[in-house]
Amino acid sequence: MKSNFLINRRTCLKGIGATLALPLLESMGWAEPDNGKPDKPPVRLGFMYMPHGVIMDQFWPADAQSFLSSPPPALESLRPVLDQCLLMKGISGVAIAPFNGAPHALELSTWLTAMLPDANTRNRINIGISADQIAANYVGGFTSLPSLELATMPQTHKENQEGLNEGYYTHCSFRSATQPVPAEINPRSVLNRLFGKSDRPGHIRQADPLDRQMLDLVIGGAKDLRKKLPQDDQHKLDEYLDSVRAVERRIAAIEFRQKEAALEKAGVSVSKRNASDSPPIEVKIPEGDKRSEYMQVMCDLNVLAFQTDTTRVSTYIGSTPNGVSYPELGFRNEHHSQTHHNNEAEKVRKVAAITAFNIAQFAYMVKKMHGLREGDGTLLDNCIMMWGSGLEDGNIHERKNLPFIIAGKGGGSINTGRFLPDTKGNQGDLLTTLLGCAGVPLDRPIGIATKQITEMTTRS
């Protein structure tokens, strides 16, 4: 129930040189023009990627009937929210001929474009606008950030399979056929973008990560606003500010450990630890140390961006096909090397563990969204979150049956809680359908699409 006190959806908390967007409160409306209809939260689109495919018999459910009660090992972390998920088996990828020798250059770059690069201009980016950027072009005008691009690893891989530009290995977002969109790998920089820290209009300022004064000023300003809000909105504002604080603390802790590790490496003592104690670990995301902590911080930032309507479109490249390892899982073998397992049990086990780990980070984000109230439902109800890979099976570089997980109801447009074992379609069809469910009008199908997959929607 809304109070008589109404505030604009674009209202921000402000301090000196900083602004902080607010979550959806009942006392707000959305940024779209008033059409006389009741306010309805917008649909957000999020895409999260893992390379190299999966171990198929550990990813796909045994059958549609047992999907919710007995999920396969890879999906166990999603069990509490499987009723909010949709799996479809039978989505084919883009056939990569004439680039048959470039499976890894194309697994990520074709994931959201559903098309191949131009074969006549291989040494430079020339592919097609990606689905996330098509959506951003339509809904980006309603938010301060048209889209948010995140990654866990630097986009600096150097390889030229089939003479293709290096950018194809590490980018999934393309603003136009020739413009890849860079992703942000530093959670502090992401927080600054969302938090709006700046010295002057239009410029982001890097702040001392351990300096809380800026955040204190902004959050302190919430007290006056809080007095004017109804009780439900007060509770929601308190929860939101607590989550902002939590993310800030986690980022600061990571940065503090990095500084300690760098000083210890240089021979400078930085603490009162005993001489026999091990030095602080140096957190290096590309090597995978405490990878889950970084990924969850990035996921939290994605949730905050959606919750505050700072953006309605995001991509998160969990890793790229260039040698990442996962020591957190108890082994240091590179992901790629293990995917060429030739059915060796130990390598299969490690690939399955890596897949489950990556899906667990996606589950972390989805479960958090499911626990946040928004409008008459939850934040997840108003999102379409897609996790997937650009290969079916890394062992033989197969692309005939790509693994995808869809989470969220898309504002009521997607029929979740199901496994569809005999879907007929390709990844262009899937992307075209998802954008349609998000209310994004298309003047043409995406990439190789020929139709919409109606069985995944509530209209079927």
Protein backbone atom coordinates (compact mmCIF):
# COMPACT_ATOMS: atom_id res chain seq x y z
CA MET A 1 0.00 0.00 0.00
CA LYS A 2 1.41 3.37 -1.00
CA SER A 3 1.48 6.36 1.28
CA ASN A 4 0.35 9.85 0.27
CA PHE A 5 4.00 10.89 0.29
CA LEU A 6 5.43 10.15 -3.16
CA ILE A 7 9.01 10.54 -4.31
CA ASN A 8 10.52 10.30 -7.75
CA ARG A 9 12.06 6.96 -8.79
CA ARG A 10 15.27 8.79 -9.71
CA THR A 11 15.72 10.14 -6.15
CA CYS A 12 19.24 9.61 -4.81
CA LEU A 13 20.90 10.05 -1.44
CA LYS A 14 23.61 12.65 -1.77
CA GLY A 15 26.75 13.61 0.10
CA ILE A 16 29.71 15.78 -0.82
CA GLY A 17 30.91 14.40 -4.14
CA ALA A 18 28.82 11.25 -3.91
CA THR A 19 25.37 9.97 -4.75
CA LEU A 20 23.65 6.66 -4.00
CA ALA A 21 20.62 5.38 -5.87
CA LEU A 22 17.74 3.98 -3.82
CA PRO A 23 15.92 0.66 -4.15
CA LEU A 24 12.29 0.58 -5.28
CA LEU A 25 10.13 1.86 -2.46
CA GLU A 26 6.35 1.76 -2.37
CA SER A 27 6.46 5.55 -2.28
CA MET A 28 8.04 5.64 -5.74
CA GLY A 29 7.12 5.31 -9.37
CA TRP A 30 9.35 4.19 -12.24
CA ALA A 31 11.17 6.39 -14.70
CA GLU A 32 8.81 5.69 -17.60
CA PRO A 33 6.14 8.27 -18.41
CA ASP A 34 2.93 7.91 -16.41
CA ASN A 35 0.28 6.14 -18.50
CA GLY A 36 -2.35 6.02 -15.82
CA LYS A 37 -1.75 2.33 -15.06
CA PRO A 38 -0.50 0.95 -11.72
CA ASP A 39 3.27 1.02 -11.35
CA LYS A 40 4.93 -2.25 -12.34
CA PRO A 41 8.64 -2.93 -11.83
CA PRO A 42 10.65 -3.16 -15.06
CA VAL A 43 12.23 -6.37 -16.27
CA ARG A 44 16.01 -6.63 -15.93
CA LEU A 45 18.25 -8.82 -18.07
CA GLY A 46 21.44 -10.42 -16.74
CA PHE A 47 23.88 -12.80 -18.46
CA MET A 48 26.61 -14.81 -16.68
CA TYR A 49 29.18 -16.86 -18.60
CA MET A 50 31.49 -19.84 -18.06
CA PRO A 51 33.72 -21.24 -20.86
CA HIS A 52 34.47 -24.80 -22.03
CA GLY A 53 31.08 -26.45 -21.64
CA VAL A 54 29.97 -28.96 -19.00
CA ILE A 55 29.97 -32.67 -18.17
CA MET A 56 26.61 -33.35 -19.76
CA ASP A 57 25.41 -36.26 -17.61
CA GLN A 58 26.06 -34.19 -14.47
CA PHE A 59 24.33 -31.08 -15.81
CA TRP A 60 21.10 -32.22 -17.44
CA PRO A 61 18.25 -33.55 -15.26
CA ALA A 62 17.30 -37.21 -15.68
CA ASP A 63 13.78 -36.24 -16.75
CA ALA A 64 11.23 -33.46 -16.49
CA GLN A 65 9.37 -35.13 -13.62
CA SER A 66 12.35 -35.36 -11.24
CA PHE A 67 13.85 -31.94 -12.08
CA LEU A 68 12.67 -30.19 -8.90
CA SER A 69 13.05 -33.07 -6.45
CA SER A 70 16.28 -34.68 -7.71
CA PRO A 71 18.44 -32.15 -9.55
CA PRO A 72 21.71 -33.35 -11.11
CA PRO A 73 24.96 -32.65 -9.19
CA ALA A 74 25.85 -29.50 -11.16
CA LEU A 75 22.55 -27.85 -10.19
CA GLU A 76 22.50 -28.79 -6.51
CA SER A 77 23.30 -25.23 -5.39
CA LEU A 78 20.14 -24.05 -7.18
CA ARG A 79 17.86 -26.52 -5.40
CA PRO A 80 16.20 -23.88 -3.14
CA VAL A 81 15.23 -21.80 -6.21
CA LEU A 82 14.73 -24.43 -8.92
CA ASP A 83 11.06 -23.48 -9.02
CA GLN A 84 12.31 -20.09 -10.24
CA CYS A 85 14.43 -21.68 -13.00
CA LEU A 86 13.89 -23.03 -16.48
CA LEU A 87 16.17 -25.50 -18.30
CA MET A 88 15.85 -26.33 -21.97
CA LYS A 89 17.80 -29.11 -23.65
CA GLY A 90 18.21 -28.83 -27.40
CA ILE A 91 19.49 -25.28 -27.95
CA SER A 92 22.19 -25.43 -30.65
CA GLY A 93 25.04 -22.98 -31.07
CA VAL A 94 26.34 -21.21 -34.14
CA ALA A 95 28.10 -23.58 -36.56
CA ILE A 96 31.63 -22.17 -36.72
CA ALA A 97 32.71 -23.08 -40.26
CA PRO A 98 34.81 -21.60 -41.89
CA PHE A 99 36.52 -20.99 -38.52
CA ASN A 100 36.80 -24.66 -37.52
CA GLY A 101 40.19 -24.09 -35.92
CA ALA A 102 38.92 -21.31 -33.62
CA PRO A 103 36.50 -22.90 -31.14
CA HIS A 104 37.70 -20.81 -28.19
CA ALA A 105 37.87 -17.54 -30.08
CA LEU A 106 34.19 -17.99 -30.94
CA GLU A 107 32.63 -19.58 -27.86
CA LEU A 108 32.32 -16.25 -26.01
CA SER A 109 32.02 -13.79 -28.90
CA THR A 110 29.11 -15.70 -30.46
CA TRP A 111 27.34 -16.31 -27.13
CA LEU A 112 25.23 -13.12 -27.17
CA THR A 113 25.56 -12.24 -30.85
CA ALA A 114 24.49 -15.66 -32.22
CA MET A 115 26.52 -14.99 -35.33
CA LEU A 116 30.02 -15.42 -36.75
CA PRO A 117 32.59 -12.69 -37.38
CA ASP A 118 33.11 -11.42 -40.89
CA ALA A 119 35.49 -13.89 -42.55
CA ASN A 120 36.95 -11.17 -44.77
CA THR A 121 38.10 -8.95 -41.89
CA ARG A 122 39.40 -11.50 -39.41
CA ASN A 123 42.14 -9.35 -37.92
CA ARG A 124 39.71 -6.72 -36.62
CA ILE A 125 36.43 -6.87 -34.71
CA ASN A 126 33.51 -7.20 -37.11
CA ILE A 127 30.69 -9.36 -35.80
CA GLY A 128 27.35 -7.86 -34.77
CA ILE A 129 25.58 -6.09 -31.93
CA SER A 130 25.02 -8.39 -28.94
CA ALA A 131 21.67 -9.11 -27.30
CA ASP A 132 22.55 -7.22 -24.12
CA GLN A 133 23.39 -4.09 -26.08
CA ILE A 134 20.22 -4.37 -28.15
CA ALA A 135 18.34 -4.36 -24.85
CA ALA A 136 20.48 -1.50 -23.48
CA ASN A 137 19.68 0.63 -26.52
CA TYR A 138 15.98 0.27 -25.71
CA VAL A 139 15.86 0.52 -21.89
CA GLY A 140 19.12 2.34 -21.16
CA GLY A 141 17.53 5.75 -21.39
CA PHE A 142 15.58 5.08 -18.20
CA THR A 143 18.67 4.43 -16.04
CA SER A 144 21.92 6.17 -15.20
CA LEU A 145 23.94 3.29 -16.68
CA PRO A 146 22.59 1.83 -19.94
CA SER A 147 24.33 -1.46 -19.12
CA LEU A 148 26.88 -2.92 -16.72
CA GLU A 149 29.70 -5.17 -17.96
CA LEU A 150 31.62 -7.21 -15.38
CA ALA A 151 34.41 -9.78 -15.61
CA THR A 152 36.60 -11.73 -13.22
CA MET A 153 39.69 -11.68 -15.43
CA PRO A 154 41.48 -9.04 -17.54
CA GLN A 155 40.46 -9.03 -21.20
CA THR A 156 44.04 -9.35 -22.39
CA HIS A 157 44.35 -12.85 -23.86
CA LYS A 158 46.84 -13.07 -26.75
CA GLU A 159 46.05 -15.69 -29.36
CA ASN A 160 44.97 -15.66 -32.99
CA GLN A 161 43.11 -18.85 -33.86
CA GLU A 162 42.23 -18.77 -37.57
CA GLY A 163 43.70 -15.26 -37.72
CA LEU A 164 40.85 -13.85 -35.62
CA ASN A 165 41.27 -10.68 -33.59
CA GLU A 166 42.27 -11.28 -29.96
CA GLY A 167 39.21 -9.41 -28.73
CA TYR A 168 36.95 -12.27 -29.74
CA TYR A 169 38.40 -14.44 -26.96
CA THR A 170 37.45 -12.16 -24.10
CA HIS A 171 34.40 -10.09 -25.08
CA CYS A 172 30.73 -11.03 -25.16
CA SER A 173 29.23 -7.52 -25.44
CA PHE A 174 29.38 -5.58 -28.69
CA ARG A 175 27.86 -2.10 -28.94
CA SER A 176 28.02 -2.35 -32.72
CA ALA A 177 29.55 -4.74 -35.22
CA THR A 178 32.97 -3.17 -34.68
CA GLN A 179 32.80 -1.96 -31.04
CA PRO A 180 33.43 -4.48 -28.23
CA VAL A 181 32.34 -3.22 -24.82
CA PRO A 182 35.08 -3.57 -22.18
CA ALA A 183 34.19 -5.20 -18.87
CA GLU A 184 35.19 -3.94 -15.43
CA ILE A 185 37.21 -6.39 -13.30
CA ASN A 186 37.82 -4.19 -10.25
CA PRO A 187 34.94 -4.32 -7.74
CA ARG A 188 36.04 -0.98 -6.27
CA SER A 189 35.64 0.69 -9.66
CA VAL A 190 32.22 -0.92 -10.08
CA LEU A 191 31.14 0.34 -6.68
CA ASN A 192 32.37 3.82 -7.58
CA ARG A 193 30.30 3.74 -10.78
CA LEU A 194 27.18 2.68 -8.88
CA PHE A 195 27.93 4.95 -5.92
CA GLY A 196 28.74 7.92 -8.17
CA LYS A 197 31.83 9.17 -6.34
CA SER A 198 33.19 12.14 -8.23
CA ASP A 199 35.16 15.33 -7.87
CA ARG A 200 33.21 17.06 -10.62
CA PRO A 201 30.24 16.23 -12.82
CA GLY A 202 30.86 13.41 -15.27
CA HIS A 203 34.05 12.16 -13.64
CA ILE A 204 34.54 9.20 -11.31
CA ARG A 205 37.00 9.67 -8.47
CA GLN A 206 38.92 6.79 -6.94
CA ALA A 207 38.54 6.98 -3.18
CA ASP A 208 40.62 5.43 -0.42
CA PRO A 209 39.00 2.03 0.00
CA LEU A 210 39.25 2.24 3.78
CA ASP A 211 37.80 5.76 3.97
CA ARG A 212 34.18 5.53 5.15
CA GLN A 213 33.53 9.27 5.42
CA MET A 214 31.90 9.59 2.01
CA LEU A 215 29.56 6.67 2.61
CA ASP A 216 28.82 7.90 6.12
CA LEU A 217 27.75 11.28 4.77
CA VAL A 218 25.38 9.78 2.24
CA ILE A 219 23.88 7.18 4.55
CA GLY A 220 23.59 9.78 7.28
CA GLY A 221 21.42 11.79 4.91
CA ALA A 222 19.00 8.88 4.73
CA LYS A 223 17.77 9.64 8.24
CA ASP A 224 15.71 12.62 7.09
CA LEU A 225 14.20 10.66 4.22
CA ARG A 226 13.45 7.70 6.47
CA LYS A 227 11.22 9.81 8.72
CA LYS A 228 8.93 10.53 5.76
CA LEU A 229 8.53 6.93 4.61
CA PRO A 230 5.87 4.38 5.59
CA GLN A 231 7.02 1.51 7.79
CA ASP A 232 7.48 -1.02 4.97
CA ASP A 233 9.66 1.43 3.05
CA GLN A 234 11.68 2.20 6.18
CA HIS A 235 12.42 -1.51 6.55
CA LYS A 236 13.38 -1.84 2.88
CA LEU A 237 15.65 1.22 3.08
CA ASP A 238 17.37 -0.18 6.18
CA GLU A 239 17.98 -3.53 4.46
CA TYR A 240 19.35 -1.81 1.38
CA LEU A 241 21.76 0.43 3.31
CA ASP A 242 22.97 -2.59 5.29
CA SER A 243 23.72 -4.40 2.03
CA VAL A 244 25.66 -1.40 0.69
CA ARG A 245 27.72 -1.35 3.89
CA ALA A 246 28.35 -5.10 3.62
CA VAL A 247 29.64 -4.86 0.06
CA GLU A 248 31.84 -1.91 0.99
CA ARG A 249 33.35 -3.86 3.90
CA ARG A 250 34.02 -6.94 1.79
CA ILE A 251 35.73 -4.95 -0.96
CA ALA A 252 37.82 -3.06 1.58
CA ALA A 253 38.87 -6.31 3.25
CA ILE A 254 40.01 -7.80 -0.06
CA GLU A 255 41.99 -4.65 -0.92
CA PHE A 256 43.55 -4.55 2.55
CA ARG A 257 44.79 -8.13 2.20
CA GLN A 258 46.19 -7.33 -1.24
CA LYS A 259 48.15 -4.39 0.18
CA GLU A 260 49.46 -6.52 3.06
CA ALA A 261 50.53 -9.28 0.69
CA ALA A 262 52.35 -6.81 -1.56
CA LEU A 263 54.22 -5.31 1.41
CA GLU A 264 55.12 -8.73 2.81
CA LYS A 265 56.43 -9.73 -0.60
CA ALA A 266 58.65 -6.64 -0.52
CA GLY A 267 59.99 -7.62 2.91
CA VAL A 268 58.00 -5.04 4.90
CA SER A 269 56.34 -6.27 8.08
CA VAL A 270 52.79 -4.97 8.28
CA SER A 271 51.28 -6.68 11.30
CA LYS A 272 51.93 -8.12 14.74
CA ARG A 273 51.69 -11.70 13.54
CA ASN A 274 54.14 -14.24 14.92
CA ALA A 275 57.22 -14.80 12.79
CA SER A 276 56.20 -18.43 12.36
CA ASP A 277 52.81 -17.48 10.92
CA SER A 278 52.28 -17.81 7.19
CA PRO A 279 52.20 -14.49 5.34
CA PRO A 280 48.83 -13.17 4.16
CA ILE A 281 47.73 -14.69 0.89
CA GLU A 282 48.00 -12.54 -2.20
CA VAL A 283 44.61 -12.59 -3.87
CA LYS A 284 45.09 -12.85 -7.62
CA ILE A 285 41.84 -13.42 -9.41
CA PRO A 286 43.28 -14.76 -12.70
CA GLU A 287 45.00 -17.57 -10.74
CA GLY A 288 41.80 -18.25 -8.84
CA ASP A 289 42.81 -17.65 -5.18
CA LYS A 290 39.55 -17.13 -3.24
CA ARG A 291 37.81 -16.75 -6.54
CA SER A 292 34.41 -17.27 -4.93
CA GLU A 293 34.85 -14.17 -2.76
CA TYR A 294 35.53 -11.95 -5.75
CA MET A 295 32.74 -13.47 -7.81
CA GLN A 296 30.23 -13.03 -5.00
CA VAL A 297 31.22 -9.39 -4.54
CA MET A 298 30.64 -8.87 -8.26
CA CYS A 299 27.30 -10.66 -7.97
CA ASP A 300 26.33 -8.43 -5.05
CA LEU A 301 27.19 -5.36 -7.11
CA ASN A 302 25.01 -6.70 -9.92
CA VAL A 303 22.14 -7.17 -7.46
CA LEU A 304 22.58 -3.63 -6.13
CA ALA A 305 22.60 -2.22 -9.65
CA PHE A 306 19.31 -3.95 -10.44
CA GLN A 307 17.75 -3.25 -7.06
CA THR A 308 18.41 0.48 -7.37
CA ASP A 309 17.43 0.61 -11.06
CA THR A 310 20.90 1.97 -11.80
CA THR A 311 20.87 -0.33 -14.82
CA ARG A 312 18.53 -2.94 -16.24
CA VAL A 313 21.06 -4.87 -18.32
CA SER A 314 24.23 -6.64 -17.17
CA THR A 315 26.80 -9.18 -18.30
CA TYR A 316 29.27 -11.02 -16.10
CA ILE A 317 32.08 -13.03 -17.70
CA GLY A 318 32.95 -15.42 -14.87
CA SER A 319 36.08 -16.54 -16.74
CA THR A 320 37.43 -16.71 -20.26
CA PRO A 321 39.05 -19.58 -22.19
CA ASN A 322 42.65 -18.71 -21.41
CA GLY A 323 44.04 -20.80 -18.61
CA VAL A 324 42.19 -20.01 -15.39
CA SER A 325 42.68 -22.39 -12.47
CA TYR A 326 40.71 -23.07 -9.28
CA PRO A 327 43.04 -23.79 -6.32
CA GLU A 328 40.07 -23.08 -4.05
CA LEU A 329 38.71 -26.46 -5.19
CA GLY A 330 41.85 -28.29 -4.09
CA PHE A 331 43.68 -28.54 -7.43
CA ARG A 332 45.61 -26.14 -9.64
CA ASN A 333 45.07 -27.67 -13.06
CA GLU A 334 43.89 -25.18 -15.66
CA HIS A 335 40.24 -25.42 -16.59
CA HIS A 336 40.96 -25.76 -20.31
CA SER A 337 43.49 -28.57 -19.91
CA GLN A 338 41.02 -30.66 -17.92
CA THR A 339 38.21 -30.26 -20.42
CA HIS A 340 40.20 -32.36 -22.93
CA HIS A 341 39.69 -35.27 -20.59
CA ASN A 342 39.21 -38.17 -23.03
CA ASN A 343 36.86 -39.57 -20.39
CA GLU A 344 39.62 -39.91 -17.78
CA ALA A 345 37.76 -40.08 -14.47
CA GLU A 346 39.96 -37.63 -12.54
CA LYS A 347 39.80 -34.96 -15.21
CA VAL A 348 36.05 -35.43 -15.57
CA ARG A 349 35.72 -35.00 -11.80
CA LYS A 350 37.64 -31.74 -11.89
CA VAL A 351 35.64 -30.30 -14.79
CA ALA A 352 32.43 -31.24 -12.99
CA ALA A 353 33.69 -29.50 -9.82
CA ILE A 354 34.55 -26.34 -11.77
CA THR A 355 31.12 -26.32 -13.38
CA ALA A 356 29.36 -26.79 -10.03
CA PHE A 357 31.50 -24.00 -8.55
CA ASN A 358 30.55 -21.53 -11.28
CA ILE A 359 26.86 -22.42 -11.08
CA ALA A 360 27.07 -21.97 -7.29
CA GLN A 361 28.14 -18.34 -7.81
CA PHE A 362 25.16 -17.84 -10.14
CA ALA A 363 22.95 -19.51 -7.51
CA TYR A 364 24.33 -17.14 -4.87
CA MET A 365 23.15 -14.16 -6.91
CA VAL A 366 19.79 -15.65 -7.87
CA LYS A 367 18.98 -16.65 -4.29
CA LYS A 368 19.83 -13.16 -3.07
CA MET A 369 17.49 -11.66 -5.68
CA HIS A 370 14.78 -14.09 -4.63
CA GLY A 371 15.08 -12.87 -1.05
CA LEU A 372 14.58 -9.18 -1.91
CA ARG A 373 11.03 -7.88 -1.99
CA GLU A 374 10.04 -5.67 -4.89
CA GLY A 375 6.54 -4.51 -5.66
CA ASP A 376 4.14 -7.39 -5.13
CA GLY A 377 6.88 -10.02 -5.45
CA THR A 378 10.65 -10.29 -5.42
CA LEU A 379 13.48 -8.75 -7.39
CA LEU A 380 14.00 -12.09 -9.12
CA ASP A 381 10.37 -12.10 -10.27
CA ASN A 382 11.24 -9.04 -12.35
CA CYS A 383 14.52 -10.37 -13.76
CA ILE A 384 15.65 -12.72 -16.50
CA MET A 385 19.02 -14.13 -15.49
CA MET A 386 20.81 -16.43 -17.93
CA TRP A 387 23.82 -18.61 -17.05
CA GLY A 388 25.52 -20.57 -19.77
CA SER A 389 28.51 -21.57 -21.85
CA GLY A 390 29.41 -21.21 -25.50
CA LEU A 391 30.38 -24.89 -25.79
CA GLU A 392 28.40 -28.00 -25.00
CA ASP A 393 31.38 -30.28 -24.43
CA GLY A 394 34.92 -28.92 -24.13
CA ASN A 395 36.41 -32.34 -24.83
CA ILE A 396 35.40 -32.27 -28.50
CA HIS A 397 34.30 -28.61 -28.82
CA GLU A 398 30.71 -29.63 -29.49
CA ARG A 399 28.06 -26.91 -29.91
CA LYS A 400 24.91 -28.85 -30.76
CA ASN A 401 23.32 -28.72 -27.30
CA LEU A 402 24.48 -25.67 -25.35
CA PRO A 403 23.94 -25.56 -21.56
CA PHE A 404 21.74 -22.70 -20.40
CA ILE A 405 19.97 -21.93 -17.11
CA ILE A 406 17.25 -19.28 -17.07
CA ALA A 407 16.28 -17.90 -13.65
CA GLY A 408 13.52 -15.40 -12.91
CA LYS A 409 10.01 -14.94 -14.26
CA GLY A 410 10.68 -11.86 -16.36
CA GLY A 411 7.78 -9.93 -14.89
CA GLY A 412 5.46 -12.91 -15.41
CA SER A 413 6.46 -13.69 -19.00
CA ILE A 414 8.49 -16.87 -18.35
CA ASN A 415 7.06 -20.14 -17.06
CA THR A 416 9.65 -21.43 -14.58
CA GLY A 417 10.06 -24.53 -12.45
CA ARG A 418 10.43 -26.76 -15.52
CA PHE A 419 12.90 -28.80 -17.53
CA LEU A 420 12.10 -29.03 -21.24
CA PRO A 421 14.11 -32.00 -22.55
CA ASP A 422 13.20 -31.75 -26.24
CA THR A 423 13.45 -28.09 -27.14
CA LYS A 424 13.94 -27.29 -30.82
CA GLY A 425 15.86 -24.07 -31.43
CA ASN A 426 19.21 -22.30 -31.54
CA GLN A 427 20.89 -19.71 -29.37
CA GLY A 428 19.62 -16.89 -31.60
CA ASP A 429 16.07 -18.15 -31.04
CA LEU A 430 16.71 -18.19 -27.29
CA LEU A 431 18.09 -14.64 -27.20
CA THR A 432 15.29 -13.34 -29.42
CA THR A 433 12.74 -14.94 -27.07
CA LEU A 434 14.38 -13.56 -23.92
CA LEU A 435 14.41 -10.02 -25.27
CA GLY A 436 10.78 -10.41 -26.25
CA CYS A 437 9.97 -11.55 -22.71
CA ALA A 438 11.77 -8.45 -21.41
CA GLY A 439 9.58 -6.23 -23.59
CA VAL A 440 12.36 -5.23 -25.98
CA PRO A 441 10.98 -4.78 -29.51
CA LEU A 442 13.13 -6.21 -32.32
CA ASP A 443 13.11 -5.18 -35.97
CA ARG A 444 14.88 -8.44 -36.88
CA PRO A 445 15.81 -11.74 -35.20
CA ILE A 446 19.13 -11.96 -33.36
CA GLY A 447 21.91 -13.66 -35.31
CA ILE A 448 20.86 -17.07 -36.65
CA ALA A 449 17.41 -16.92 -35.05
CA THR A 450 14.41 -18.01 -37.09
CA LYS A 451 11.66 -17.99 -34.44
CA GLN A 452 10.75 -17.49 -30.80
CA ILE A 453 10.74 -20.47 -28.43
CA THR A 454 7.15 -20.12 -27.29
CA GLU A 455 7.17 -23.18 -25.02
CA MET A 456 9.35 -21.33 -22.53
CA THR A 457 6.91 -18.48 -22.08
CA THR A 458 3.64 -18.14 -20.20
CA ARG A 459 1.93 -17.54 -23.54
CA SER A 460 2.40 -21.13 -24.69
